[in-house]
PDB file of N, CA and C in Angstrom:
ATOM      1  N   UNK A   1    -134.662  78.804 -84.006  1.00  0.00           N
ATOM      2  CA  UNK A   1    -133.055  78.457 -83.900  1.00  0.00           C
ATOM      3  C   UNK A   1    -132.409  79.119 -82.630  1.00  0.00           C
ATOM      4  N   UNK A   2    -131.381  78.211 -82.393  1.00  0.00           N
ATOM      5  CA  UNK A   2    -130.672  78.704 -80.611  1.00  0.00           C
ATOM      6  C   UNK A   2    -128.976  78.384 -81.209  1.00  0.00           C
ATOM      7  N   UNK A   3    -128.135  79.315 -80.178  1.00  0.00           N
ATOM      8  CA  UNK A   3    -127.141  79.103 -79.772  1.00  0.00           C
ATOM      9  C   UNK A   3    -126.620  78.648 -78.734  1.00  0.00           C
ATOM     10  N   UNK A   4    -125.654  78.051 -78.469  1.00  0.00           N
ATOM     11  CA  UNK A   4    -124.554  77.490 -77.058  1.00  0.00           C
ATOM     12  C   UNK A   4    -123.415  77.344 -77.784  1.00  0.00           C
ATOM     13  N   UNK A   5    -122.789  77.667 -76.263  1.00  0.00           N
ATOM     14  CA  UNK A   5    -121.419  77.910 -76.141  1.00  0.00           C
ATOM     15  C   UNK A   5    -121.259  77.203 -75.262  1.00  0.00           C
ATOM     16  N   UNK A   6    -120.283  76.059 -75.480  1.00  0.00           N
ATOM     17  CA  UNK A   6    -119.399  75.085 -74.140  1.00  0.00           C
ATOM     18  C   UNK A   6    -118.340  76.337 -74.186  1.00  0.00           C
ATOM     19  N   UNK A   7    -117.767  76.811 -72.786  1.00  0.00           N
ATOM     20  CA  UNK A   7    -116.080  77.103 -71.783  1.00  0.00           C
ATOM     21  C   UNK A   7    -115.748  76.455 -71.609  1.00  0.00           C
ATOM     22  N   UNK A   8    -114.687  75.659 -71.665  1.00  0.00           N
ATOM     23  CA  UNK A   8    -114.357  74.600 -71.179  1.00  0.00           C
ATOM     24  C   UNK A   8    -112.687  75.324 -70.473  1.00  0.00           C
ATOM     25  N   UNK A   9    -112.618  74.965 -69.379  1.00  0.00           N
ATOM     26  CA  UNK A   9    -111.464  76.229 -68.315  1.00  0.00           C
ATOM     27  C   UNK A   9    -110.209  74.973 -69.065  1.00  0.00           C
ATOM     28  N   UNK A  10    -109.381  75.947 -69.397  1.00  0.00           N
ATOM     29  CA  UNK A  10    -107.995  75.122 -70.011  1.00  0.00           C
ATOM     30  C   UNK A  10    -106.605  75.717 -69.866  1.00  0.00           C
ATOM     31  N   UNK A  11    -105.785  74.817 -69.572  1.00  0.00           N
ATOM     32  CA  UNK A  11    -104.495  75.406 -68.962  1.00  0.00           C
ATOM     33  C   UNK A  11    -103.294  74.124 -70.029  1.00  0.00           C
ATOM     34  N   UNK A  12    -102.100  74.953 -70.492  1.00  0.00           N
ATOM     35  CA  UNK A  12    -100.716  74.769 -71.047  1.00  0.00           C
ATOM     36  C   UNK A  12    -100.599  73.510 -70.058  1.00  0.00           C
ATOM     37  N   UNK A  13    -100.631  72.342 -71.397  1.00  0.00           N
ATOM     38  CA  UNK A  13    -100.163  71.212 -70.379  1.00  0.00           C
ATOM     39  C   UNK A  13    -101.181  70.095 -70.085  1.00  0.00           C
ATOM     40  N   UNK A  14    -102.721  70.840 -70.398  1.00  0.00           N
ATOM     41  CA  UNK A  14    -103.409  69.883 -70.147  1.00  0.00           C
ATOM     42  C   UNK A  14    -103.572  68.984 -70.491  1.00  0.00           C
ATOM     43  N   UNK A  15    -103.612  68.496 -71.405  1.00  0.00           N
ATOM     44  CA  UNK A  15    -103.758  67.511 -72.711  1.00  0.00           C
ATOM     45  C   UNK A  15    -104.750  67.155 -72.929  1.00  0.00           C
ATOM     46  N   UNK A  16    -105.451  67.417 -72.538  1.00  0.00           N
ATOM     47  CA  UNK A  16    -107.016  67.570 -72.808  1.00  0.00           C
ATOM     48  C   UNK A  16    -107.667  67.002 -74.534  1.00  0.00           C
ATOM     49  N   UNK A  17    -108.390  65.614 -74.521  1.00  0.00           N
ATOM     50  CA  UNK A  17    -108.807  65.263 -75.544  1.00  0.00           C
ATOM     51  C   UNK A  17    -110.024  65.701 -75.714  1.00  0.00           C
ATOM     52  N   UNK A  18    -110.717  66.576 -75.906  1.00  0.00           N
ATOM     53  CA  UNK A  18    -112.558  66.902 -76.518  1.00  0.00           C
ATOM     54  C   UNK A  18    -113.229  66.255 -77.155  1.00  0.00           C
ATOM     55  N   UNK A  19    -112.531  65.355 -78.012  1.00  0.00           N
ATOM     56  CA  UNK A  19    -113.641  63.933 -78.564  1.00  0.00           C
ATOM     57  C   UNK A  19    -113.918  62.940 -77.325  1.00  0.00           C
ATOM     58  N   UNK A  20    -112.911  62.725 -76.506  1.00  0.00           N
ATOM     59  CA  UNK A  20    -112.894  62.015 -75.593  1.00  0.00           C
ATOM     60  C   UNK A  20    -113.845  62.286 -75.084  1.00  0.00           C
ATOM     61  N   UNK A  21    -113.655  63.723 -74.313  1.00  0.00           N
ATOM     62  CA  UNK A  21    -114.543  64.279 -73.087  1.00  0.00           C
ATOM     63  C   UNK A  21    -115.776  64.861 -73.813  1.00  0.00           C
ATOM     64  N   UNK A  22    -116.076  64.933 -74.843  1.00  0.00           N
ATOM     65  CA  UNK A  22    -117.484  64.856 -75.551  1.00  0.00           C
ATOM     66  C   UNK A  22    -118.337  63.777 -75.078  1.00  0.00           C
ATOM     67  N   UNK A  23    -117.919  62.746 -75.780  1.00  0.00           N
ATOM     68  CA  UNK A  23    -118.256  61.352 -75.686  1.00  0.00           C
ATOM     69  C   UNK A  23    -118.487  60.657 -74.200  1.00  0.00           C
ATOM     70  N   UNK A  24    -117.881  61.343 -73.241  1.00  0.00           N
ATOM     71  CA  UNK A  24    -118.023  61.174 -71.529  1.00  0.00           C
ATOM     72  C   UNK A  24    -119.585  61.517 -71.105  1.00  0.00           C
ATOM     73  N   UNK A  25    -119.815  62.657 -72.150  1.00  0.00           N
ATOM     74  CA  UNK A  25    -121.326  63.511 -71.824  1.00  0.00           C
ATOM     75  C   UNK A  25    -122.060  63.128 -72.605  1.00  0.00           C
ATOM     76  N   UNK A  26    -121.953  62.395 -73.318  1.00  0.00           N
ATOM     77  CA  UNK A  26    -123.002  61.758 -74.434  1.00  0.00           C
ATOM     78  C   UNK A  26    -123.763  60.579 -73.503  1.00  0.00           C
ATOM     79  N   UNK A  27    -125.451  60.601 -73.180  1.00  0.00           N
ATOM     80  CA  UNK A  27    -126.217  59.241 -72.235  1.00  0.00           C
ATOM     81  C   UNK A  27    -126.662  58.781 -73.564  1.00  0.00           C
ATOM     82  N   UNK A  28    -127.037  57.577 -73.672  1.00  0.00           N
ATOM     83  CA  UNK A  28    -127.631  56.426 -74.190  1.00  0.00           C
ATOM     84  C   UNK A  28    -128.967  56.382 -73.848  1.00  0.00           C
ATOM     85  N   UNK A  29    -130.019  56.698 -74.366  1.00  0.00           N
ATOM     86  CA  UNK A  29    -131.489  56.586 -73.743  1.00  0.00           C
ATOM     87  C   UNK A  29    -132.278  55.812 -74.541  1.00  0.00           C
ATOM     88  N   UNK A  30    -133.081  55.132 -74.059  1.00  0.00           N
ATOM     89  CA  UNK A  30    -133.864  54.179 -74.409  1.00  0.00           C
ATOM     90  C   UNK A  30    -135.172  54.679 -75.646  1.00  0.00           C
ATOM     91  N   UNK A  31    -135.563  54.262 -76.316  1.00  0.00           N
ATOM     92  CA  UNK A  31    -136.127  54.801 -77.211  1.00  0.00           C
ATOM     93  C   UNK A  31    -137.522  54.674 -76.756  1.00  0.00           C
ATOM     94  N   UNK A  32    -137.823  53.768 -75.975  1.00  0.00           N
ATOM     95  CA  UNK A  32    -139.075  53.780 -75.826  1.00  0.00           C
ATOM     96  C   UNK A  32    -139.130  55.147 -74.616  1.00  0.00           C
ATOM     97  N   UNK A  33    -138.164  54.921 -74.011  1.00  0.00           N
ATOM     98  CA  UNK A  33    -138.895  55.789 -72.719  1.00  0.00           C
ATOM     99  C   UNK A  33    -138.920  57.125 -73.540  1.00  0.00           C
ATOM    100  N   UNK A  34    -138.098  57.621 -74.801  1.00  0.00           N
ATOM    101  CA  UNK A  34    -138.888  58.912 -75.185  1.00  0.00           C
ATOM    102  C   UNK A  34    -139.757  59.282 -75.961  1.00  0.00           C
ATOM    103  N   UNK A  35    -140.479  57.800 -76.306  1.00  0.00           N
ATOM    104  CA  UNK A  35    -141.586  58.190 -76.971  1.00  0.00           C
ATOM    105  C   UNK A  35    -142.727  58.168 -75.895  1.00  0.00           C
ATOM    106  N   UNK A  36    -142.339  57.286 -74.988  1.00  0.00           N
ATOM    107  CA  UNK A  36    -143.502  57.921 -73.745  1.00  0.00           C
ATOM    108  C   UNK A  36    -143.289  58.955 -73.101  1.00  0.00           C
ATOM    109  N   UNK A  37    -142.183  59.553 -72.517  1.00  0.00           N
ATOM    110  CA  UNK A  37    -142.008  61.132 -72.348  1.00  0.00           C
ATOM    111  C   UNK A  37    -142.951  62.176 -73.909  1.00  0.00           C
ATOM    112  N   UNK A  38    -142.423  61.813 -75.109  1.00  0.00           N
ATOM    113  CA  UNK A  38    -143.406  62.598 -76.034  1.00  0.00           C
ATOM    114  C   UNK A  38    -144.165  62.777 -75.804  1.00  0.00           C
ATOM    115  N   UNK A  39    -145.408  61.873 -75.605  1.00  0.00           N
ATOM    116  CA  UNK A  39    -146.653  61.526 -75.492  1.00  0.00           C
ATOM    117  C   UNK A  39    -146.958  62.480 -74.346  1.00  0.00           C
ATOM    118  N   UNK A  40    -146.444  62.402 -72.900  1.00  0.00           N
ATOM    119  CA  UNK A  40    -146.446  63.020 -72.036  1.00  0.00           C
ATOM    120  C   UNK A  40    -147.002  64.472 -72.154  1.00  0.00           C
ATOM    121  N   UNK A  41    -145.660  64.779 -73.253  1.00  0.00           N
ATOM    122  CA  UNK A  41    -146.111  66.555 -73.554  1.00  0.00           C
ATOM    123  C   UNK A  41    -146.605  67.056 -74.189  1.00  0.00           C
ATOM    124  N   UNK A  42    -147.067  66.109 -74.820  1.00  0.00           N
ATOM    125  CA  UNK A  42    -148.230  66.550 -75.997  1.00  0.00           C
ATOM    126  C   UNK A  42    -149.317  66.715 -75.515  1.00  0.00           C
ATOM    127  N   UNK A  43    -150.108  68.425 -75.834  1.00  0.00           N
ATOM    128  CA  UNK A  43    -150.848  69.117 -76.023  1.00  0.00           C
ATOM    129  C   UNK A  43    -152.358  68.531 -76.500  1.00  0.00           C
TER     130      UNK A  43
END
């Protein structure tokens, strides 16, 4: 198991929407490319 914490500086009135911020960080990955990478990483 592991733990990590995101620290996002805030200022009063910044009106940040964490849900939309997080969605902007998520990337779609081609499943075939992931499969190829997994094969390369196998020992």
